[in-house]
Structures are given as structure tokens and as C-alpha cells.
Amino acid sequence: MLYLRIIQLRKTLNLTQDEFAFKIGISRAGLSAIETKRCDVTESNKILICNLFNVNRVWLETGEGDMFIEHNPLHDEFILLFDNLDINFQQFLLDTAKRLLDLQDNIL
């Protein structure tokens, strides 16, 4: 259950609801609603949680695997390069990355 893993993650990070909510850009009331299963976690919040805290997306969604992923220095380099691209080239790069993922899935 996703909401239980959010609680587990927050407690593992030793963050209060206020601190965790602030870091992911929602209100404490919004986080409380997530943790009590009154509302769902948005896709953008899942992405932010995973990126901000190096959380394993598979673990977050299914509970399988390790909670955290190892930091990949290539990720930092890629983000720096991406941030310096024009918006049109950023979109091109995203589209290309999606096609590469599809290709990878078909090969492996």
C-alpha cells in the first residue's frame, strides 16, 4: 500500500509531516490526507519523492526491492545538461529517451 510506504519513508528519513510535505511542495494537510488514504499520491509527487530522496520507484509503488537506490553520478551530469537545453531540445530528448526505453524493453 503506497500510503504506508510514504509513512515508512518519512519515518526512515526522520522527517516530520511538516518537513516532508515542505520538501515535496505540498501542505502538511495534503500529506496527512495521503498518509490516511483520503487522497492519492500524484504522479508528479511520486517522481519528486523518488528523485529528491533517491527512492526506488519499484519499492515506492509495490514494496518490492530496496527502499533506496544508489546515487548515480551520471544522473547529475544528465540533469545539468538537460537544464541547459532549450525547451524544444528538452522535449526532443524526452521523446528520444522514451523511444530508447521501448527499444530496451523489446531487446531485453
N, C-alpha and C. Protein backbone atom coordinates (compact mmCIF):
# COMPACT_ATOMS: atom_id res chain seq x y z
N MET A 1 0.82 -1.17 0.00
CA MET A 1 0.00 0.00 0.00
C MET A 1 0.88 1.25 0.00
N LEU A 2 0.68 2.06 -1.01
CA LEU A 2 1.52 3.23 -1.24
C LEU A 2 1.54 4.17 -0.04
N TYR A 3 0.40 4.44 0.54
CA TYR A 3 0.35 5.39 1.65
C TYR A 3 1.17 4.91 2.84
N LEU A 4 1.21 3.60 3.07
CA LEU A 4 2.03 3.05 4.16
C LEU A 4 3.51 3.19 3.87
N ARG A 5 3.89 3.05 2.59
CA ARG A 5 5.29 3.22 2.23
C ARG A 5 5.72 4.68 2.35
N ILE A 6 4.79 5.60 2.08
CA ILE A 6 5.09 7.03 2.27
C ILE A 6 5.39 7.29 3.75
N ILE A 7 4.58 6.75 4.62
CA ILE A 7 4.81 6.90 6.06
C ILE A 7 6.14 6.28 6.46
N GLN A 8 6.39 5.06 5.98
CA GLN A 8 7.63 4.37 6.30
C GLN A 8 8.84 5.17 5.81
N LEU A 9 8.75 5.71 4.60
CA LEU A 9 9.85 6.51 4.06
C LEU A 9 10.08 7.75 4.92
N ARG A 10 9.02 8.46 5.22
CA ARG A 10 9.14 9.69 6.01
C ARG A 10 9.78 9.40 7.36
N LYS A 11 9.36 8.33 7.99
CA LYS A 11 9.92 7.97 9.30
C LYS A 11 11.38 7.52 9.18
N THR A 12 11.70 6.79 8.11
CA THR A 12 13.08 6.37 7.88
C THR A 12 13.99 7.58 7.69
N LEU A 13 13.46 8.60 7.00
CA LEU A 13 14.21 9.83 6.79
C LEU A 13 14.21 10.73 8.03
N ASN A 14 13.46 10.31 9.06
CA ASN A 14 13.37 11.06 10.31
C ASN A 14 12.84 12.48 10.08
N LEU A 15 11.79 12.57 9.25
CA LEU A 15 11.18 13.87 8.94
C LEU A 15 9.77 13.93 9.52
N THR A 16 9.40 15.10 10.00
CA THR A 16 8.02 15.31 10.43
C THR A 16 7.15 15.44 9.19
N GLN A 17 5.84 15.42 9.39
CA GLN A 17 4.94 15.65 8.27
C GLN A 17 5.19 17.02 7.66
N ASP A 18 5.38 18.03 8.51
CA ASP A 18 5.66 19.38 8.00
C ASP A 18 6.90 19.41 7.14
N GLU A 19 7.98 18.79 7.60
CA GLU A 19 9.25 18.80 6.86
C GLU A 19 9.14 18.05 5.53
N PHE A 20 8.54 16.86 5.58
CA PHE A 20 8.40 16.05 4.36
C PHE A 20 7.52 16.77 3.35
N ALA A 21 6.40 17.28 3.82
CA ALA A 21 5.47 17.98 2.93
C ALA A 21 6.15 19.18 2.28
N PHE A 22 6.89 19.95 3.06
CA PHE A 22 7.59 21.11 2.52
C PHE A 22 8.56 20.70 1.42
N LYS A 23 9.31 19.63 1.66
CA LYS A 23 10.31 19.19 0.68
C LYS A 23 9.67 18.76 -0.64
N ILE A 24 8.45 18.20 -0.59
CA ILE A 24 7.82 17.77 -1.85
C ILE A 24 6.80 18.79 -2.36
N GLY A 25 6.71 19.92 -1.67
CA GLY A 25 5.91 21.02 -2.18
C GLY A 25 4.41 20.90 -1.99
N ILE A 26 4.00 20.23 -0.91
CA ILE A 26 2.56 20.16 -0.61
C ILE A 26 2.37 20.62 0.83
N SER A 27 1.14 20.81 1.22
CA SER A 27 0.85 21.22 2.60
C SER A 27 0.92 20.02 3.53
N ARG A 28 1.04 20.31 4.83
CA ARG A 28 1.01 19.22 5.80
C ARG A 28 -0.34 18.52 5.76
N ALA A 29 -1.39 19.29 5.56
CA ALA A 29 -2.73 18.70 5.45
C ALA A 29 -2.81 17.77 4.23
N GLY A 30 -2.17 18.16 3.14
CA GLY A 30 -2.14 17.32 1.95
C GLY A 30 -1.41 16.01 2.21
N LEU A 31 -0.29 16.09 2.92
CA LEU A 31 0.45 14.88 3.26
C LEU A 31 -0.35 14.01 4.22
N SER A 32 -1.00 14.65 5.17
CA SER A 32 -1.84 13.90 6.10
C SER A 32 -2.94 13.16 5.35
N ALA A 33 -3.52 13.81 4.35
CA ALA A 33 -4.57 13.16 3.54
C ALA A 33 -4.01 11.95 2.79
N ILE A 34 -2.77 12.07 2.33
CA ILE A 34 -2.12 10.92 1.64
C ILE A 34 -1.88 9.80 2.64
N GLU A 35 -1.33 10.16 3.80
CA GLU A 35 -0.97 9.14 4.80
C GLU A 35 -2.18 8.47 5.43
N THR A 36 -3.32 9.10 5.36
CA THR A 36 -4.55 8.48 5.89
C THR A 36 -5.43 7.94 4.77
N LYS A 37 -4.87 7.90 3.57
CA LYS A 37 -5.51 7.32 2.38
C LYS A 37 -6.78 8.07 1.96
N ARG A 38 -6.87 9.36 2.31
CA ARG A 38 -8.01 10.16 1.88
C ARG A 38 -7.80 10.73 0.48
N CYS A 39 -6.55 10.75 0.03
CA CYS A 39 -6.29 11.15 -1.36
C CYS A 39 -5.06 10.40 -1.87
N ASP A 40 -4.95 10.33 -3.18
CA ASP A 40 -3.87 9.58 -3.82
C ASP A 40 -2.64 10.45 -4.00
N VAL A 41 -1.51 9.79 -4.17
CA VAL A 41 -0.26 10.48 -4.49
C VAL A 41 -0.25 10.74 -5.99
N THR A 42 0.02 11.97 -6.37
CA THR A 42 0.06 12.29 -7.80
C THR A 42 1.32 11.72 -8.44
N GLU A 43 1.26 11.56 -9.73
CA GLU A 43 2.42 11.07 -10.48
C GLU A 43 3.61 12.00 -10.28
N SER A 44 3.36 13.31 -10.33
CA SER A 44 4.47 14.26 -10.16
C SER A 44 5.07 14.17 -8.76
N ASN A 45 4.24 13.90 -7.75
CA ASN A 45 4.78 13.74 -6.40
C ASN A 45 5.60 12.46 -6.28
N LYS A 46 5.18 11.39 -6.94
CA LYS A 46 5.97 10.16 -6.93
C LYS A 46 7.35 10.41 -7.53
N ILE A 47 7.37 11.08 -8.66
CA ILE A 47 8.63 11.38 -9.33
C ILE A 47 9.51 12.23 -8.43
N LEU A 48 8.93 13.25 -7.83
CA LEU A 48 9.68 14.14 -6.96
C LEU A 48 10.23 13.39 -5.76
N ILE A 49 9.43 12.57 -5.12
CA ILE A 49 9.88 11.79 -3.96
C ILE A 49 11.05 10.90 -4.35
N CYS A 50 10.93 10.22 -5.47
CA CYS A 50 12.00 9.32 -5.91
C CYS A 50 13.28 10.09 -6.21
N ASN A 51 13.15 11.20 -6.91
CA ASN A 51 14.34 11.97 -7.27
C ASN A 51 14.96 12.68 -6.08
N LEU A 52 14.15 13.25 -5.23
CA LEU A 52 14.64 14.03 -4.10
C LEU A 52 15.33 13.16 -3.05
N PHE A 53 14.77 11.99 -2.80
CA PHE A 53 15.28 11.14 -1.72
C PHE A 53 15.99 9.88 -2.22
N ASN A 54 16.22 9.77 -3.53
CA ASN A 54 16.84 8.57 -4.13
C ASN A 54 16.06 7.31 -3.78
N VAL A 55 14.75 7.40 -3.89
CA VAL A 55 13.87 6.28 -3.57
C VAL A 55 13.69 5.42 -4.82
N ASN A 56 13.71 4.13 -4.60
CA ASN A 56 13.48 3.15 -5.66
C ASN A 56 12.00 3.21 -6.05
N ARG A 57 11.72 3.56 -7.28
CA ARG A 57 10.33 3.71 -7.75
C ARG A 57 9.55 2.40 -7.60
N VAL A 58 10.20 1.29 -7.88
CA VAL A 58 9.53 -0.01 -7.75
C VAL A 58 9.13 -0.24 -6.30
N TRP A 59 10.03 0.06 -5.37
CA TRP A 59 9.69 -0.10 -3.95
C TRP A 59 8.53 0.81 -3.59
N LEU A 60 8.57 2.06 -4.02
CA LEU A 60 7.52 3.01 -3.67
C LEU A 60 6.16 2.51 -4.14
N GLU A 61 6.09 1.98 -5.33
CA GLU A 61 4.81 1.57 -5.90
C GLU A 61 4.37 0.17 -5.48
N THR A 62 5.33 -0.74 -5.25
CA THR A 62 4.95 -2.13 -4.99
C THR A 62 5.44 -2.69 -3.66
N GLY A 63 6.44 -2.04 -3.07
CA GLY A 63 7.03 -2.56 -1.85
C GLY A 63 8.13 -3.57 -2.11
N GLU A 64 8.43 -3.85 -3.37
CA GLU A 64 9.47 -4.82 -3.72
C GLU A 64 10.81 -4.13 -3.89
N GLY A 65 11.87 -4.82 -3.49
CA GLY A 65 13.21 -4.29 -3.65
C GLY A 65 13.61 -3.39 -2.48
N ASP A 66 14.73 -2.72 -2.66
CA ASP A 66 15.26 -1.83 -1.63
C ASP A 66 14.53 -0.49 -1.66
N MET A 67 14.43 0.14 -0.50
CA MET A 67 13.77 1.44 -0.40
C MET A 67 14.54 2.50 -1.19
N PHE A 68 15.85 2.47 -1.10
CA PHE A 68 16.67 3.50 -1.74
C PHE A 68 17.50 2.91 -2.87
N ILE A 69 17.81 3.76 -3.83
CA ILE A 69 18.71 3.36 -4.91
C ILE A 69 20.05 4.06 -4.69
N GLU A 70 21.09 3.45 -5.21
CA GLU A 70 22.41 4.08 -5.13
C GLU A 70 22.42 5.33 -5.98
N HIS A 71 23.11 6.31 -5.49
CA HIS A 71 23.23 7.55 -6.25
C HIS A 71 24.07 7.30 -7.50
N ASN A 72 23.57 7.74 -8.63
CA ASN A 72 24.26 7.57 -9.91
C ASN A 72 24.80 8.93 -10.35
N PRO A 73 26.12 9.10 -10.39
CA PRO A 73 26.68 10.39 -10.79
C PRO A 73 26.31 10.78 -12.22
N LEU A 74 26.00 9.80 -13.07
CA LEU A 74 25.57 10.12 -14.43
C LEU A 74 24.26 10.88 -14.42
N HIS A 75 23.43 10.60 -13.43
CA HIS A 75 22.15 11.29 -13.29
C HIS A 75 22.38 12.79 -13.13
N ASP A 76 23.30 13.16 -12.25
CA ASP A 76 23.60 14.58 -12.02
C ASP A 76 24.10 15.26 -13.29
N GLU A 77 25.00 14.58 -13.99
CA GLU A 77 25.53 15.14 -15.23
C GLU A 77 24.42 15.32 -16.27
N PHE A 78 23.56 14.32 -16.37
CA PHE A 78 22.46 14.39 -17.34
C PHE A 78 21.52 15.55 -17.02
N ILE A 79 21.19 15.72 -15.76
CA ILE A 79 20.29 16.80 -15.35
C ILE A 79 20.91 18.16 -15.66
N LEU A 80 22.19 18.31 -15.40
CA LEU A 80 22.86 19.58 -15.72
C LEU A 80 22.79 19.88 -17.21
N LEU A 81 23.05 18.86 -18.02
CA LEU A 81 22.99 19.05 -19.47
C LEU A 81 21.56 19.37 -19.91
N PHE A 82 20.62 18.62 -19.39
CA PHE A 82 19.21 18.80 -19.74
C PHE A 82 18.75 20.22 -19.40
N ASP A 83 19.10 20.68 -18.21
CA ASP A 83 18.68 22.01 -17.76
C ASP A 83 19.23 23.13 -18.64
N ASN A 84 20.32 22.87 -19.33
CA ASN A 84 20.93 23.90 -20.17
C ASN A 84 20.43 23.86 -21.62
N LEU A 85 19.56 22.92 -21.92
CA LEU A 85 19.00 22.83 -23.27
C LEU A 85 17.78 23.75 -23.42
N ASP A 86 17.57 24.21 -24.63
CA ASP A 86 16.35 24.93 -24.99
C ASP A 86 15.16 23.99 -24.78
N ILE A 87 14.01 24.54 -24.46
CA ILE A 87 12.81 23.74 -24.19
C ILE A 87 12.47 22.78 -25.33
N ASN A 88 12.69 23.19 -26.56
CA ASN A 88 12.40 22.31 -27.70
C ASN A 88 13.34 21.11 -27.73
N PHE A 89 14.61 21.35 -27.39
CA PHE A 89 15.56 20.25 -27.34
C PHE A 89 15.29 19.35 -26.12
N GLN A 90 14.82 19.94 -25.03
CA GLN A 90 14.44 19.11 -23.89
C GLN A 90 13.32 18.15 -24.27
N GLN A 91 12.32 18.65 -24.99
CA GLN A 91 11.22 17.79 -25.41
C GLN A 91 11.71 16.69 -26.35
N PHE A 92 12.60 17.06 -27.28
CA PHE A 92 13.18 16.08 -28.20
C PHE A 92 13.92 15.00 -27.42
N LEU A 93 14.69 15.41 -26.41
CA LEU A 93 15.44 14.46 -25.61
C LEU A 93 14.51 13.53 -24.83
N LEU A 94 13.44 14.06 -24.28
CA LEU A 94 12.46 13.23 -23.57
C LEU A 94 11.82 12.21 -24.51
N ASP A 95 11.43 12.66 -25.69
CA ASP A 95 10.82 11.75 -26.66
C ASP A 95 11.81 10.66 -27.06
N THR A 96 13.06 11.04 -27.26
CA THR A 96 14.10 10.07 -27.63
C THR A 96 14.32 9.07 -26.51
N ALA A 97 14.36 9.56 -25.27
CA ALA A 97 14.56 8.66 -24.13
C ALA A 97 13.41 7.66 -24.01
N LYS A 98 12.19 8.09 -24.27
CA LYS A 98 11.05 7.18 -24.23
C LYS A 98 11.17 6.10 -25.29
N ARG A 99 11.63 6.50 -26.49
CA ARG A 99 11.83 5.51 -27.56
C ARG A 99 12.94 4.53 -27.19
N LEU A 100 13.98 5.02 -26.54
CA LEU A 100 15.07 4.15 -26.11
C LEU A 100 14.58 3.14 -25.06
N LEU A 101 13.73 3.59 -24.16
CA LEU A 101 13.17 2.66 -23.17
C LEU A 101 12.34 1.58 -23.83
N ASP A 102 11.53 1.95 -24.82
CA ASP A 102 10.74 0.96 -25.55
C ASP A 102 11.66 -0.03 -26.25
N LEU A 103 12.70 0.47 -26.88
CA LEU A 103 13.66 -0.39 -27.57
C LEU A 103 14.33 -1.32 -26.58
N GLN A 104 14.76 -0.79 -25.45
CA GLN A 104 15.40 -1.60 -24.42
C GLN A 104 14.48 -2.72 -23.94
N ASP A 105 13.20 -2.38 -23.71
CA ASP A 105 12.23 -3.37 -23.27
C ASP A 105 12.07 -4.49 -24.30
N ASN A 106 12.11 -4.16 -25.58
CA ASN A 106 11.96 -5.14 -26.64
C ASN A 106 13.20 -6.02 -26.79
N ILE A 107 14.36 -5.46 -26.49
CA ILE A 107 15.61 -6.22 -26.62
C ILE A 107 15.83 -7.13 -25.44
N LEU A 108 15.55 -6.61 -24.25
CA LEU A 108 15.79 -7.39 -23.03
C LEU A 108 14.55 -8.15 -22.71
